[in-house]
């Protein structure tokens, strides 16, 4: 007789421990792609065994042991007895159950494995889409179906990206290790960008019927917390964590009862998540204490902190936000940063001061609905209704998210 709760246990353990398991297998085998395959095989075996025989005393250790035995079987098939097979077999104690001390992992080694896993999954040799898919798969523990559902793409597309990513890493001979200090800064930027990209898609979905995908945003927050624990002395890691916590704190007030977006000026700030704000401010304080100045994520977190501390839109320190956006634009130039700065300028100095900034970004954001949306808002405030209508119509045509498009259509209908 099978135990249906066994499958739930497999899912729970995998989500929590998958990064450690894949990381440990990658260290044992020296092959990142093989390690992920072995971990998936162990997962498949658990889905059969645990509902039938019960959940083992140490579930994560069980999965690791099965993965290592699968590695031994693979190497046996490749060679009668090569050095690697001999080392693995001796390490495991082939032929019997793994000893208890095999299941007690060294916490320092676990941390190194997970950190190395993050750096490998986000290696610059991979495309942005491949980094996201691989990170969610091997570090986040999400299935291909879950990743596909989150990004609204076919499962086969996700599977192909993961397969190509592993082949690319193998062809490039990327070692499974935390990169040396000389390379770490550049590679860390890739890791942070991937986590931020995952969170951005979760917090403001680019397409589909939901404005916020909490599961995706929450996974990015979890990854950021893991990274902050592993690299507590890196200010930009703390800056990213602060940004994610402070942004997510507004989620409860961003969606109305009907599922429609609620703009910042209409949000009930009593619904903002105060513990999340406290966590975000604490992370931002750690980034500031490093004494190296805030990076791009830290500056964005500082902007989010301004909003978190303000009792209302009118009482917000918009001049300070403008200054921070100017600093961010010098540190990490981007048309989206300039567009956000224009919004802050409009709040601090009026729409007439902001409109030239927006007009100068037309060539840089030709397919984004954000630019005509902001321009339409500024023109509305200036009383230039016909021009505002044309901009909002263009924004509606370009917007891929159903909820956000509905909001734009309401703005359009409200014009005189």
Protein backbone atom coordinates (compact mmCIF):
# COMPACT_ATOMS: atom_id res chain seq x y z
CA UNK A 1 0.00 0.00 0.00
CA UNK A 2 1.39 3.40 -0.94
CA UNK A 3 1.45 6.53 1.17
CA UNK A 4 0.26 9.54 -0.85
CA UNK A 5 1.95 11.90 1.61
CA UNK A 6 5.29 10.48 0.45
CA UNK A 7 5.05 12.45 -2.79
CA UNK A 8 4.38 15.63 -0.81
CA UNK A 9 7.47 14.91 1.28
CA UNK A 10 9.55 14.44 -1.86
CA UNK A 11 8.37 17.79 -3.23
CA UNK A 12 9.02 19.59 0.07
CA UNK A 13 12.50 18.11 0.56
CA UNK A 14 13.45 18.77 -3.05
CA UNK A 15 12.44 22.43 -2.90
CA UNK A 16 14.48 22.96 0.27
CA UNK A 17 17.51 20.74 -0.36
CA UNK A 18 17.89 20.46 -4.15
CA UNK A 19 20.66 23.06 -4.39
CA UNK A 20 22.70 21.30 -1.70
CA UNK A 21 22.19 17.91 -3.33
CA UNK A 22 23.12 19.06 -6.83
CA UNK A 23 26.06 21.01 -5.43
CA UNK A 24 27.39 18.04 -3.49
CA UNK A 25 27.03 15.75 -6.53
CA UNK A 26 28.80 18.30 -8.72
CA UNK A 27 31.68 18.40 -6.26
CA UNK A 28 31.89 14.59 -6.17
CA UNK A 29 31.71 14.08 -9.93
CA UNK A 30 33.36 17.28 -11.15
CA UNK A 31 30.62 17.53 -13.81
CA UNK A 32 27.85 20.07 -13.31
CA UNK A 33 25.56 18.72 -16.04
CA UNK A 34 25.95 15.15 -14.84
CA UNK A 35 25.25 16.20 -11.25
CA UNK A 36 21.92 17.75 -12.22
CA UNK A 37 20.95 14.62 -14.15
CA UNK A 38 21.91 12.38 -11.21
CA UNK A 39 19.87 14.52 -8.82
CA UNK A 40 16.85 14.25 -11.12
CA UNK A 41 17.25 10.46 -11.22
CA UNK A 42 17.37 10.36 -7.43
CA UNK A 43 14.23 12.48 -7.32
CA UNK A 44 12.45 10.11 -9.69
CA UNK A 45 13.43 7.13 -7.52
CA UNK A 46 12.16 8.91 -4.40
CA UNK A 47 8.80 9.51 -6.05
CA UNK A 48 8.44 5.75 -6.41
CA UNK A 49 10.06 4.59 -3.19
CA UNK A 50 8.92 7.03 -0.48
CA UNK A 51 5.15 6.65 -1.02
CA UNK A 52 5.64 2.85 -0.88
CA UNK A 53 8.22 2.42 1.89
CA UNK A 54 7.85 5.63 3.85
CA UNK A 55 9.98 8.75 4.13
CA UNK A 56 13.57 7.93 5.20
CA UNK A 57 15.00 9.24 8.45
CA UNK A 58 17.29 11.64 6.58
CA UNK A 59 15.52 12.46 3.29
CA UNK A 60 18.21 14.74 1.88
CA UNK A 61 20.94 12.25 2.72
CA UNK A 62 18.91 9.51 1.03
CA UNK A 63 18.67 11.54 -2.19
CA UNK A 64 22.38 12.34 -2.10
CA UNK A 65 23.30 8.70 -1.55
CA UNK A 66 21.10 7.53 -4.43
CA UNK A 67 22.63 10.16 -6.69
CA UNK A 68 26.15 9.08 -5.78
CA UNK A 69 25.32 5.41 -6.40
CA UNK A 70 23.92 6.32 -9.80
CA UNK A 71 27.24 8.04 -10.52
CA UNK A 72 29.11 4.87 -9.57
CA UNK A 73 26.88 2.80 -11.86
CA UNK A 74 27.56 5.22 -14.69
CA UNK A 75 31.32 5.13 -14.25
CA UNK A 76 31.24 1.32 -14.00
CA UNK A 77 29.55 1.20 -17.38
CA UNK A 78 32.13 3.54 -18.85
CA UNK A 79 35.12 1.63 -17.54
CA UNK A 80 35.78 -1.57 -15.69
CA UNK A 81 37.42 0.29 -12.83
CA UNK A 82 38.86 3.71 -13.42
CA UNK A 83 40.30 5.94 -10.75
CA UNK A 84 37.20 8.02 -10.34
CA UNK A 85 34.98 4.99 -9.85
CA UNK A 86 37.36 3.62 -7.28
CA UNK A 87 37.40 6.90 -5.37
CA UNK A 88 33.64 7.26 -5.41
CA UNK A 89 33.04 3.66 -4.41
CA UNK A 90 35.48 3.92 -1.52
CA UNK A 91 33.95 7.22 -0.41
CA UNK A 92 30.43 5.82 -0.42
CA UNK A 93 31.14 2.38 1.03
CA UNK A 94 29.61 0.63 -1.96
CA UNK A 95 27.36 -2.35 -1.39
CA UNK A 96 25.50 -1.32 1.72
CA UNK A 97 23.56 1.51 3.23
CA UNK A 98 25.37 4.80 3.66
CA UNK A 99 26.77 5.18 7.17
CA UNK A 100 25.10 7.73 9.43
CA UNK A 101 28.03 10.12 9.34
CA UNK A 102 27.70 10.21 5.54
CA UNK A 103 24.36 11.93 6.05
CA UNK A 104 25.74 14.67 8.28
CA UNK A 105 26.99 17.25 5.84
CA UNK A 106 29.68 19.75 6.71
CA UNK A 107 27.84 23.12 6.88
CA UNK A 108 30.84 25.01 5.51
CA UNK A 109 31.12 22.63 2.57
CA UNK A 110 27.37 22.88 1.93
CA UNK A 111 27.60 26.65 1.78
CA UNK A 112 30.51 26.44 -0.65
CA UNK A 113 28.57 23.99 -2.83
CA UNK A 114 25.45 26.17 -3.00
CA UNK A 115 27.48 29.29 -3.70
CA UNK A 116 29.41 27.51 -6.46
CA UNK A 117 26.11 26.27 -7.86
CA UNK A 118 24.83 29.85 -8.11
CA UNK A 119 27.96 31.06 -9.86
CA UNK A 120 27.92 28.17 -12.34
CA UNK A 121 24.20 28.50 -13.10
CA UNK A 122 24.64 32.23 -13.79
CA UNK A 123 27.89 31.94 -15.74
CA UNK A 124 28.26 34.72 -18.36
CA UNK A 125 28.89 32.12 -21.07
CA UNK A 126 25.14 31.34 -20.94
CA UNK A 127 22.36 33.43 -22.44
CA UNK A 128 20.15 35.38 -20.06
CA UNK A 129 17.21 33.01 -20.65
CA UNK A 130 19.42 29.99 -20.00
CA UNK A 131 20.77 31.47 -16.76
CA UNK A 132 17.26 32.08 -15.47
CA UNK A 133 16.00 28.62 -16.36
CA UNK A 134 19.06 26.85 -14.98
CA UNK A 135 19.06 28.86 -11.75
CA UNK A 136 15.40 28.17 -11.09
CA UNK A 137 15.93 24.50 -11.87
CA UNK A 138 19.12 23.63 -9.97
CA UNK A 139 19.19 26.31 -7.26
CA UNK A 140 15.47 26.95 -6.83
CA UNK A 141 14.38 23.35 -7.27
CA UNK A 142 11.53 24.23 -9.65
CA UNK A 143 10.42 21.73 -12.25
CA UNK A 144 10.49 22.51 -15.95
CA UNK A 145 6.68 22.73 -15.88
CA UNK A 146 6.78 25.27 -13.05
CA UNK A 147 9.37 27.42 -14.82
CA UNK A 148 7.41 27.27 -18.06
CA UNK A 149 4.21 28.26 -16.28
CA UNK A 150 5.94 31.17 -14.55
CA UNK A 151 7.30 32.61 -17.80
CA UNK A 152 4.37 31.55 -20.00
CA UNK A 153 6.48 29.53 -22.41
CA UNK A 154 6.16 25.88 -23.47
CA UNK A 155 7.75 23.29 -21.18
CA UNK A 156 9.74 21.99 -24.13
CA UNK A 157 11.31 25.43 -24.51
CA UNK A 158 12.45 25.42 -20.89
CA UNK A 159 13.81 21.89 -21.19
CA UNK A 160 15.71 22.82 -24.34
CA UNK A 161 17.23 25.87 -22.62
CA UNK A 162 18.39 23.78 -19.67
CA UNK A 163 19.83 21.08 -21.93
CA UNK A 164 21.70 23.63 -24.05
CA UNK A 165 22.96 25.39 -20.92
CA UNK A 166 24.47 22.21 -19.52
CA UNK A 167 26.09 21.39 -22.85
CA UNK A 168 27.48 24.92 -23.09
CA UNK A 169 28.95 24.74 -19.60
CA UNK A 170 30.52 21.39 -20.44
CA UNK A 171 31.94 22.62 -23.74
CA UNK A 172 33.36 25.72 -22.04
CA UNK A 173 34.87 23.51 -19.31
CA UNK A 174 33.42 25.71 -16.58
CA UNK A 175 34.72 24.33 -13.27
CA UNK A 176 32.37 23.68 -10.39
CA UNK A 177 33.85 26.10 -7.89
CA UNK A 178 33.41 29.52 -6.40
CA UNK A 179 35.41 31.74 -8.78
CA UNK A 180 38.67 33.23 -7.56
CA UNK A 181 38.58 36.73 -6.08
CA UNK A 182 39.80 38.32 -9.31
CA UNK A 183 36.75 37.00 -11.20
CA UNK A 184 34.20 37.08 -8.42
CA UNK A 185 33.03 40.68 -8.81
CA UNK A 186 32.16 40.26 -12.49
CA UNK A 187 30.53 36.88 -11.96
CA UNK A 188 28.61 38.12 -8.90
CA UNK A 189 27.03 40.77 -11.06
CA UNK A 190 25.61 38.04 -13.27
CA UNK A 191 24.18 36.17 -10.27
CA UNK A 192 22.55 39.31 -8.91
CA UNK A 193 21.12 40.22 -12.30
CA UNK A 194 19.51 36.81 -12.70
CA UNK A 195 17.87 36.97 -9.26
CA UNK A 196 16.68 40.51 -9.99
CA UNK A 197 15.30 39.45 -13.37
CA UNK A 198 13.33 36.63 -11.75
CA UNK A 199 11.93 39.01 -9.15
CA UNK A 200 11.06 41.66 -11.74
CA UNK A 201 9.04 39.19 -13.78
CA UNK A 202 7.28 38.11 -10.58
CA UNK A 203 6.57 41.61 -9.29
CA UNK A 204 5.39 43.07 -12.61
CA UNK A 205 4.50 40.26 -14.98
CA UNK A 206 5.28 41.16 -18.57
CA UNK A 207 2.34 39.16 -19.91
CA UNK A 208 -0.60 37.05 -18.84
CA UNK A 209 -3.58 37.64 -16.59
CA UNK A 210 -1.83 38.28 -13.25
CA UNK A 211 -0.14 41.53 -12.32
CA UNK A 212 2.03 39.82 -9.69
CA UNK A 213 3.30 36.23 -9.70
CA UNK A 214 3.96 35.72 -6.03
CA UNK A 215 5.57 32.31 -6.44
CA UNK A 216 8.22 33.69 -8.80
CA UNK A 217 8.86 36.82 -6.73
CA UNK A 218 9.06 34.77 -3.54
CA UNK A 219 11.58 32.39 -5.11
CA UNK A 220 13.78 35.34 -6.06
CA UNK A 221 13.56 36.63 -2.49
CA UNK A 222 14.56 33.21 -1.18
CA UNK A 223 17.55 33.07 -3.53
CA UNK A 224 18.60 36.57 -2.45
CA UNK A 225 18.40 35.56 1.22
CA UNK A 226 20.51 32.47 0.56
CA UNK A 227 23.10 34.55 -1.27
CA UNK A 228 23.13 37.18 1.50
CA UNK A 229 23.78 34.43 4.06
CA UNK A 230 26.60 33.01 1.95
CA UNK A 231 28.18 36.39 1.14
CA UNK A 232 27.38 38.65 4.11
CA UNK A 233 30.27 41.04 3.42
CA UNK A 234 29.21 41.95 -0.14
CA UNK A 235 27.29 45.25 0.04
CA UNK A 236 25.56 44.84 -3.32
CA UNK A 237 24.18 41.46 -2.23
CA UNK A 238 22.65 43.20 0.78
CA UNK A 239 21.48 45.98 -1.52
CA UNK A 240 19.63 43.53 -3.77
CA UNK A 241 18.03 41.80 -0.79
CA UNK A 242 16.94 45.19 0.57
CA UNK A 243 15.41 46.14 -2.79
CA UNK A 244 13.45 42.90 -3.04
CA UNK A 245 12.18 43.06 0.55
CA UNK A 246 11.12 46.72 0.31
CA UNK A 247 9.44 46.22 -3.06
CA UNK A 248 7.61 43.06 -1.99
CA UNK A 249 6.38 44.87 1.13
CA UNK A 250 3.95 46.80 -1.09
CA UNK A 251 2.48 43.70 -2.75
CA UNK A 252 -0.53 43.37 -0.40
CA UNK A 253 -1.74 46.85 -1.38
CA UNK A 254 -0.91 46.70 -5.09
CA UNK A 255 -3.91 44.60 -6.11
CA UNK A 256 -7.55 45.45 -5.45
CA UNK A 257 -10.37 43.03 -4.59
CA UNK A 258 -11.14 42.53 -8.28
CA UNK A 259 -7.52 41.73 -9.10
CA UNK A 260 -6.91 45.08 -10.77
CA UNK A 261 -3.72 47.09 -10.13
CA UNK A 262 -3.84 49.79 -7.46
CA UNK A 263 -1.60 52.77 -8.21
CA UNK A 264 0.80 54.04 -5.56
CA UNK A 265 -1.27 57.15 -4.80
CA UNK A 266 -4.33 55.01 -4.10
CA UNK A 267 -2.71 52.27 -2.05
CA UNK A 268 -3.71 51.73 1.57
CA UNK A 269 -0.30 51.97 3.19
CA UNK A 270 -1.63 50.26 6.31
CA UNK A 271 -1.61 47.07 4.24
CA UNK A 272 2.10 47.30 3.47
CA UNK A 273 4.11 44.49 5.06
CA UNK A 274 5.90 46.21 7.95
CA UNK A 275 8.15 43.23 8.87
CA UNK A 276 9.32 43.10 5.24
CA UNK A 277 10.07 46.84 5.39
CA UNK A 278 12.09 46.28 8.58
CA UNK A 279 14.03 43.44 6.94
CA UNK A 280 14.69 45.57 3.87
CA UNK A 281 15.91 48.54 5.87
CA UNK A 282 18.19 46.28 7.92
CA UNK A 283 19.71 44.84 4.72
CA UNK A 284 20.17 48.35 3.31
CA UNK A 285 21.88 49.44 6.54
CA UNK A 286 24.33 46.53 6.13
CA UNK A 287 25.08 47.65 2.57
CA UNK A 288 25.75 51.19 3.77
CA UNK A 289 27.94 50.03 6.64
CA UNK A 290 30.39 48.45 4.20
CA UNK A 291 31.68 51.95 3.52
CA UNK A 292 32.11 51.45 -0.23
CA UNK A 293 29.06 53.39 -1.33
CA UNK A 294 25.83 51.89 -2.60
CA UNK A 295 25.78 50.02 -5.90
CA UNK A 296 22.97 50.01 -8.43
CA UNK A 297 20.73 47.68 -6.41
CA UNK A 298 21.50 49.53 -3.20
CA UNK A 299 20.51 52.85 -4.78
CA UNK A 300 17.22 51.36 -5.98
CA UNK A 301 16.66 50.06 -2.47
CA UNK A 302 17.28 53.57 -1.12
CA UNK A 303 14.52 54.84 -3.42
CA UNK A 304 12.20 52.08 -2.19
CA UNK A 305 13.05 53.07 1.38
CA UNK A 306 11.94 56.65 0.67
CA UNK A 307 8.54 55.33 -0.39
CA UNK A 308 8.37 52.96 2.60
CA UNK A 309 8.98 55.78 5.09
CA UNK A 310 6.56 58.30 3.54
CA UNK A 311 3.04 58.47 5.01
CA UNK A 312 1.59 59.47 1.63
CA UNK A 313 2.52 60.28 -1.97
CA UNK A 314 2.38 64.00 -1.28
CA UNK A 315 4.61 63.65 1.78
CA UNK A 316 7.24 61.64 -0.12
CA UNK A 317 10.69 63.20 -0.43
CA UNK A 318 10.60 63.39 -4.22
CA UNK A 319 13.63 65.67 -4.47
CA UNK A 320 15.74 63.06 -2.70
CA UNK A 321 14.38 60.39 -5.05
CA UNK A 322 15.34 62.55 -8.05
CA UNK A 323 18.88 62.86 -6.69
CA UNK A 324 19.17 59.12 -6.14
CA UNK A 325 17.92 58.43 -9.67
CA UNK A 326 20.53 60.84 -11.02
CA UNK A 327 23.22 58.92 -9.14
CA UNK A 328 21.80 55.62 -10.39
CA UNK A 329 21.79 56.94 -13.96
CA UNK A 330 25.49 57.73 -13.73
CA UNK A 331 26.33 54.37 -12.15
CA UNK A 332 24.11 52.16 -14.31
CA UNK A 333 22.82 54.16 -17.32
CA UNK A 334 19.49 52.90 -18.61
CA UNK A 335 16.51 54.46 -20.42
CA UNK A 336 14.21 52.84 -17.84
CA UNK A 337 16.15 54.58 -15.05
CA UNK A 338 15.76 57.88 -16.92
CA UNK A 339 12.05 57.24 -17.36
CA UNK A 340 11.64 56.61 -13.64
CA UNK A 341 13.65 59.75 -12.94
CA UNK A 342 11.23 61.68 -15.15
CA UNK A 343 8.31 60.42 -13.06
CA UNK A 344 10.07 61.57 -9.89
CA UNK A 345 10.83 64.96 -11.50
CA UNK A 346 7.15 65.34 -12.39
CA UNK A 347 6.21 64.77 -8.76
CA UNK A 348 8.88 67.11 -7.41
CA UNK A 349 8.76 69.93 -10.00
CA UNK A 350 5.69 69.37 -12.13
CA UNK A 351 4.88 67.62 -15.45
CA UNK A 352 6.33 70.39 -17.63
CA UNK A 353 9.80 69.77 -16.17
CA UNK A 354 9.56 66.03 -16.80
CA UNK A 355 8.15 65.99 -20.34
CA UNK A 356 11.44 66.87 -22.12
CA UNK A 357 13.16 63.97 -20.35
CA UNK A 358 10.47 61.57 -21.58
CA UNK A 359 10.54 62.98 -25.10
CA UNK A 360 14.28 62.32 -25.24
CA UNK A 361 13.74 58.61 -24.58
CA UNK A 362 11.44 57.83 -27.51
CA UNK A 363 14.17 56.28 -29.63
CA UNK A 364 15.53 54.22 -26.72
CA UNK A 365 12.17 52.61 -25.78
CA UNK A 366 10.33 52.17 -29.09
CA UNK A 367 8.37 49.03 -28.12
CA UNK A 368 7.80 49.59 -24.41
CA UNK A 369 4.33 50.51 -23.20
CA UNK A 370 5.88 52.31 -20.24
CA UNK A 371 7.04 55.37 -22.20
CA UNK A 372 3.67 56.23 -23.84
CA UNK A 373 1.97 55.45 -20.54
CA UNK A 374 4.13 57.96 -18.65
CA UNK A 375 3.93 60.50 -21.47
CA UNK A 376 0.15 60.15 -21.59
CA UNK A 377 -0.03 60.78 -17.83
CA UNK A 378 2.14 63.91 -18.10
CA UNK A 379 0.12 65.27 -21.04
CA UNK A 380 -3.10 64.64 -19.13
CA UNK A 381 -1.81 66.66 -16.19
CA UNK A 382 -0.84 69.44 -18.60
CA UNK A 383 -4.34 69.49 -20.12
CA UNK A 384 -3.19 68.35 -23.57
CA UNK A 385 -5.99 65.81 -23.83
CA UNK A 386 -5.84 64.86 -27.51
CA UNK A 387 -2.11 64.13 -27.31
CA UNK A 388 -2.62 62.22 -24.07
CA UNK A 389 -5.31 60.07 -25.71
CA UNK A 390 -2.98 59.12 -28.56
CA UNK A 391 -0.21 58.16 -26.14
CA UNK A 392 -2.49 56.05 -23.93
CA UNK A 393 -3.93 54.28 -26.97
CA UNK A 394 -0.39 53.40 -28.00
CA UNK A 395 0.38 52.19 -24.49
CA UNK A 396 -2.69 49.92 -24.55
CA UNK A 397 -1.60 48.46 -27.88
CA UNK A 398 1.92 47.72 -26.59
CA UNK A 399 1.02 46.38 -23.13
CA UNK A 400 1.29 42.60 -22.76
CA UNK A 401 -0.19 42.22 -19.28
CA UNK A 402 -3.97 41.92 -19.16
CA UNK A 403 -4.39 43.62 -15.77
CA UNK A 404 -2.13 46.52 -16.61
CA UNK A 405 -3.84 46.97 -19.98
CA UNK A 406 -7.20 47.22 -18.23
CA UNK A 407 -5.84 50.00 -16.02
CA UNK A 408 -4.58 51.90 -19.06
CA UNK A 409 -7.96 51.51 -20.75
CA UNK A 410 -9.65 53.00 -17.66
CA UNK A 411 -7.28 55.98 -17.82
CA UNK A 412 -8.13 56.36 -21.49
CA UNK A 413 -11.86 56.23 -20.83
CA UNK A 414 -11.57 58.83 -18.07
CA UNK A 415 -10.16 61.46 -20.43
CA UNK A 416 -12.59 64.32 -21.27
